[in-house]
N, C-alpha and C. Protein backbone atom coordinates (compact mmCIF):
# COMPACT_ATOMS: atom_id res chain seq x y z
N UNK A 1 -3.22 -23.01 -33.06
CA UNK A 1 -3.18 -24.44 -32.83
C UNK A 1 -4.61 -24.97 -32.93
N UNK A 2 -4.78 -26.01 -33.68
CA UNK A 2 -6.10 -26.60 -33.83
C UNK A 2 -6.36 -27.56 -32.68
N UNK A 3 -7.63 -27.91 -32.53
CA UNK A 3 -7.97 -28.82 -31.43
C UNK A 3 -7.42 -30.22 -31.65
N UNK A 4 -6.97 -30.51 -32.86
CA UNK A 4 -6.43 -31.84 -33.14
C UNK A 4 -4.97 -32.00 -32.74
N UNK A 5 -4.26 -30.90 -32.59
CA UNK A 5 -2.86 -31.02 -32.20
C UNK A 5 -2.55 -30.29 -30.89
N UNK A 6 -3.55 -30.09 -30.05
CA UNK A 6 -3.31 -29.45 -28.76
C UNK A 6 -2.91 -30.51 -27.73
N UNK A 7 -2.13 -30.08 -26.76
CA UNK A 7 -1.71 -31.04 -25.74
C UNK A 7 -2.84 -31.22 -24.71
N UNK A 8 -2.73 -32.23 -23.84
CA UNK A 8 -3.82 -32.52 -22.89
C UNK A 8 -4.19 -31.33 -21.99
N UNK A 9 -3.20 -30.54 -21.59
CA UNK A 9 -3.47 -29.37 -20.75
C UNK A 9 -4.31 -28.35 -21.51
N UNK A 10 -3.92 -28.08 -22.74
CA UNK A 10 -4.67 -27.12 -23.56
C UNK A 10 -6.09 -27.63 -23.83
N UNK A 11 -6.22 -28.91 -24.13
CA UNK A 11 -7.53 -29.50 -24.40
C UNK A 11 -8.43 -29.41 -23.17
N UNK A 12 -7.85 -29.72 -21.98
CA UNK A 12 -8.62 -29.62 -20.75
C UNK A 12 -9.11 -28.19 -20.54
N UNK A 13 -8.22 -27.22 -20.67
CA UNK A 13 -8.60 -25.83 -20.44
C UNK A 13 -9.67 -25.37 -21.41
N UNK A 14 -9.54 -25.76 -22.68
CA UNK A 14 -10.54 -25.37 -23.68
C UNK A 14 -11.90 -25.98 -23.36
N UNK A 15 -11.92 -27.29 -23.13
CA UNK A 15 -13.19 -27.97 -22.89
C UNK A 15 -13.80 -27.60 -21.53
N UNK A 16 -12.97 -27.53 -20.50
CA UNK A 16 -13.48 -27.19 -19.17
C UNK A 16 -14.06 -25.77 -19.16
N UNK A 17 -13.41 -24.85 -19.84
CA UNK A 17 -13.94 -23.48 -19.91
C UNK A 17 -15.27 -23.45 -20.65
N UNK A 18 -15.33 -24.12 -21.77
CA UNK A 18 -16.56 -24.17 -22.56
C UNK A 18 -17.69 -24.79 -21.75
N UNK A 19 -17.44 -25.93 -21.14
CA UNK A 19 -18.48 -26.63 -20.40
C UNK A 19 -18.90 -25.89 -19.14
N UNK A 20 -17.94 -25.26 -18.46
CA UNK A 20 -18.27 -24.47 -17.27
C UNK A 20 -19.15 -23.30 -17.65
N UNK A 21 -18.82 -22.62 -18.73
CA UNK A 21 -19.64 -21.49 -19.17
C UNK A 21 -21.04 -21.93 -19.57
N UNK A 22 -21.17 -23.12 -20.16
CA UNK A 22 -22.49 -23.64 -20.50
C UNK A 22 -23.31 -23.91 -19.23
N UNK A 23 -22.68 -24.48 -18.23
CA UNK A 23 -23.37 -24.75 -16.96
C UNK A 23 -23.80 -23.44 -16.30
N UNK A 24 -22.91 -22.45 -16.28
CA UNK A 24 -23.24 -21.17 -15.68
C UNK A 24 -24.40 -20.50 -16.40
N UNK A 25 -24.44 -20.63 -17.71
CA UNK A 25 -25.54 -20.07 -18.48
C UNK A 25 -26.86 -20.78 -18.14
N UNK A 26 -26.82 -22.09 -18.02
CA UNK A 26 -28.03 -22.85 -17.65
C UNK A 26 -28.51 -22.45 -16.25
N UNK A 27 -27.59 -22.22 -15.33
CA UNK A 27 -27.98 -21.77 -13.99
C UNK A 27 -28.60 -20.37 -14.04
N UNK A 28 -28.06 -19.51 -14.89
CA UNK A 28 -28.64 -18.17 -15.06
C UNK A 28 -30.07 -18.30 -15.57
N UNK A 29 -30.27 -19.18 -16.54
CA UNK A 29 -31.61 -19.39 -17.10
C UNK A 29 -32.54 -19.98 -16.04
N UNK A 30 -32.04 -20.92 -15.24
CA UNK A 30 -32.84 -21.47 -14.15
C UNK A 30 -33.29 -20.36 -13.21
N UNK A 31 -32.41 -19.41 -12.97
CA UNK A 31 -32.74 -18.28 -12.11
C UNK A 31 -33.92 -17.47 -12.61
N UNK A 32 -34.18 -17.52 -13.92
CA UNK A 32 -35.34 -16.82 -14.46
C UNK A 32 -36.64 -17.38 -13.89
N UNK A 33 -36.63 -18.62 -13.45
CA UNK A 33 -37.82 -19.24 -12.86
C UNK A 33 -38.15 -18.68 -11.49
N UNK A 34 -37.30 -17.83 -10.95
CA UNK A 34 -37.53 -17.27 -9.62
C UNK A 34 -38.56 -16.14 -9.62
N UNK A 35 -39.00 -15.72 -10.79
CA UNK A 35 -39.97 -14.63 -10.90
C UNK A 35 -41.34 -15.10 -10.41
N UNK A 36 -41.72 -14.66 -9.23
CA UNK A 36 -42.98 -15.10 -8.61
C UNK A 36 -44.21 -14.52 -9.31
N UNK A 37 -44.05 -13.53 -10.15
CA UNK A 37 -45.19 -13.00 -10.90
C UNK A 37 -45.57 -13.93 -12.04
N UNK A 38 -44.65 -14.78 -12.45
CA UNK A 38 -44.89 -15.70 -13.56
C UNK A 38 -45.01 -17.14 -13.10
N UNK A 39 -44.27 -17.51 -12.05
CA UNK A 39 -44.20 -18.90 -11.60
C UNK A 39 -44.64 -19.03 -10.15
N UNK A 40 -45.17 -20.20 -9.84
CA UNK A 40 -45.55 -20.51 -8.46
C UNK A 40 -44.74 -21.73 -8.03
N UNK A 41 -44.08 -21.62 -6.87
CA UNK A 41 -43.26 -22.73 -6.37
C UNK A 41 -43.17 -22.62 -4.85
N UNK A 42 -42.85 -23.75 -4.24
CA UNK A 42 -42.74 -23.80 -2.78
C UNK A 42 -41.27 -23.85 -2.37
N UNK A 43 -41.04 -23.66 -1.09
CA UNK A 43 -39.68 -23.79 -0.56
C UNK A 43 -39.17 -25.21 -0.79
N UNK A 44 -40.07 -26.19 -0.67
CA UNK A 44 -39.69 -27.59 -0.91
C UNK A 44 -39.23 -27.81 -2.35
N UNK A 45 -39.91 -27.16 -3.29
CA UNK A 45 -39.49 -27.26 -4.70
C UNK A 45 -38.07 -26.75 -4.88
N UNK A 46 -37.80 -25.60 -4.28
CA UNK A 46 -36.48 -24.98 -4.39
C UNK A 46 -35.43 -25.85 -3.71
N UNK A 47 -35.77 -26.38 -2.53
CA UNK A 47 -34.83 -27.25 -1.82
C UNK A 47 -34.50 -28.49 -2.65
N UNK A 48 -35.48 -29.07 -3.32
CA UNK A 48 -35.24 -30.26 -4.15
C UNK A 48 -34.35 -29.92 -5.34
N UNK A 49 -34.59 -28.78 -5.97
CA UNK A 49 -33.77 -28.35 -7.11
C UNK A 49 -32.31 -28.21 -6.69
N UNK A 50 -32.08 -27.43 -5.62
CA UNK A 50 -30.71 -27.16 -5.23
C UNK A 50 -30.03 -28.35 -4.57
N UNK A 51 -30.80 -29.22 -3.97
CA UNK A 51 -30.24 -30.46 -3.44
C UNK A 51 -29.70 -31.32 -4.58
N UNK A 52 -30.47 -31.42 -5.66
CA UNK A 52 -30.03 -32.21 -6.81
C UNK A 52 -28.78 -31.60 -7.45
N UNK A 53 -28.75 -30.28 -7.57
CA UNK A 53 -27.59 -29.61 -8.16
C UNK A 53 -26.36 -29.82 -7.27
N UNK A 54 -26.51 -29.61 -5.97
CA UNK A 54 -25.39 -29.75 -5.05
C UNK A 54 -24.88 -31.19 -5.01
N UNK A 55 -25.78 -32.16 -5.07
CA UNK A 55 -25.37 -33.56 -5.08
C UNK A 55 -24.51 -33.86 -6.30
N UNK A 56 -24.94 -33.39 -7.46
CA UNK A 56 -24.19 -33.64 -8.69
C UNK A 56 -22.84 -32.93 -8.66
N UNK A 57 -22.79 -31.72 -8.13
CA UNK A 57 -21.52 -31.00 -8.02
C UNK A 57 -20.55 -31.79 -7.14
N UNK A 58 -21.03 -32.32 -6.03
CA UNK A 58 -20.17 -33.12 -5.14
C UNK A 58 -19.66 -34.37 -5.86
N UNK A 59 -20.53 -35.03 -6.62
CA UNK A 59 -20.13 -36.23 -7.35
C UNK A 59 -19.03 -35.92 -8.37
N UNK A 60 -19.21 -34.84 -9.10
CA UNK A 60 -18.23 -34.48 -10.13
C UNK A 60 -16.93 -34.05 -9.50
N UNK A 61 -17.00 -33.26 -8.43
CA UNK A 61 -15.77 -32.84 -7.72
C UNK A 61 -15.02 -34.06 -7.23
N UNK A 62 -15.73 -35.05 -6.70
CA UNK A 62 -15.08 -36.27 -6.21
C UNK A 62 -14.35 -36.99 -7.33
N UNK A 63 -14.89 -36.95 -8.53
CA UNK A 63 -14.22 -37.59 -9.66
C UNK A 63 -12.88 -36.91 -9.95
N UNK A 64 -12.82 -35.60 -9.79
CA UNK A 64 -11.55 -34.89 -9.98
C UNK A 64 -10.59 -35.21 -8.84
N UNK A 65 -11.09 -35.26 -7.63
CA UNK A 65 -10.24 -35.49 -6.46
C UNK A 65 -9.72 -36.91 -6.37
N UNK A 66 -10.41 -37.89 -6.92
CA UNK A 66 -9.96 -39.27 -6.83
C UNK A 66 -8.67 -39.51 -7.60
N UNK A 67 -8.32 -38.60 -8.47
CA UNK A 67 -7.10 -38.76 -9.26
C UNK A 67 -5.88 -38.17 -8.58
N UNK A 68 -6.10 -37.54 -7.43
CA UNK A 68 -4.96 -37.00 -6.69
C UNK A 68 -4.17 -38.16 -6.11
N UNK A 69 -2.88 -37.98 -6.02
CA UNK A 69 -2.04 -39.03 -5.45
C UNK A 69 -2.32 -39.12 -3.95
N UNK A 70 -2.53 -40.32 -3.49
CA UNK A 70 -2.78 -40.54 -2.08
C UNK A 70 -1.45 -40.83 -1.39
N UNK A 71 -1.26 -40.18 -0.27
CA UNK A 71 -0.04 -40.40 0.48
C UNK A 71 -0.12 -41.75 1.18
N UNK A 72 0.95 -42.45 1.12
CA UNK A 72 1.00 -43.76 1.76
C UNK A 72 1.79 -43.63 3.04
N UNK A 73 1.28 -44.23 4.10
CA UNK A 73 1.96 -44.18 5.39
C UNK A 73 3.17 -45.10 5.39
N UNK A 74 4.29 -44.58 5.89
CA UNK A 74 5.51 -45.38 6.02
C UNK A 74 6.17 -45.01 7.34
N UNK A 75 6.75 -46.01 7.98
CA UNK A 75 7.52 -45.78 9.21
C UNK A 75 8.98 -45.65 8.88
């Protein structure tokens, strides 16, 4: 099946897998900066990096969660 005739579920799985693997690879590469023999950094630098990453992860997760059906209260 080509990407032009795949259904929305298949397209999501293909693109989400590709994009997730790209993100994981970038994080692996970022981890290379942890080598203290080559780089100098402070705890504050690391905290700022991971704070930015965690903030963006929360924002993106919220975008997925906002599409969930909200239960409506009824008596």
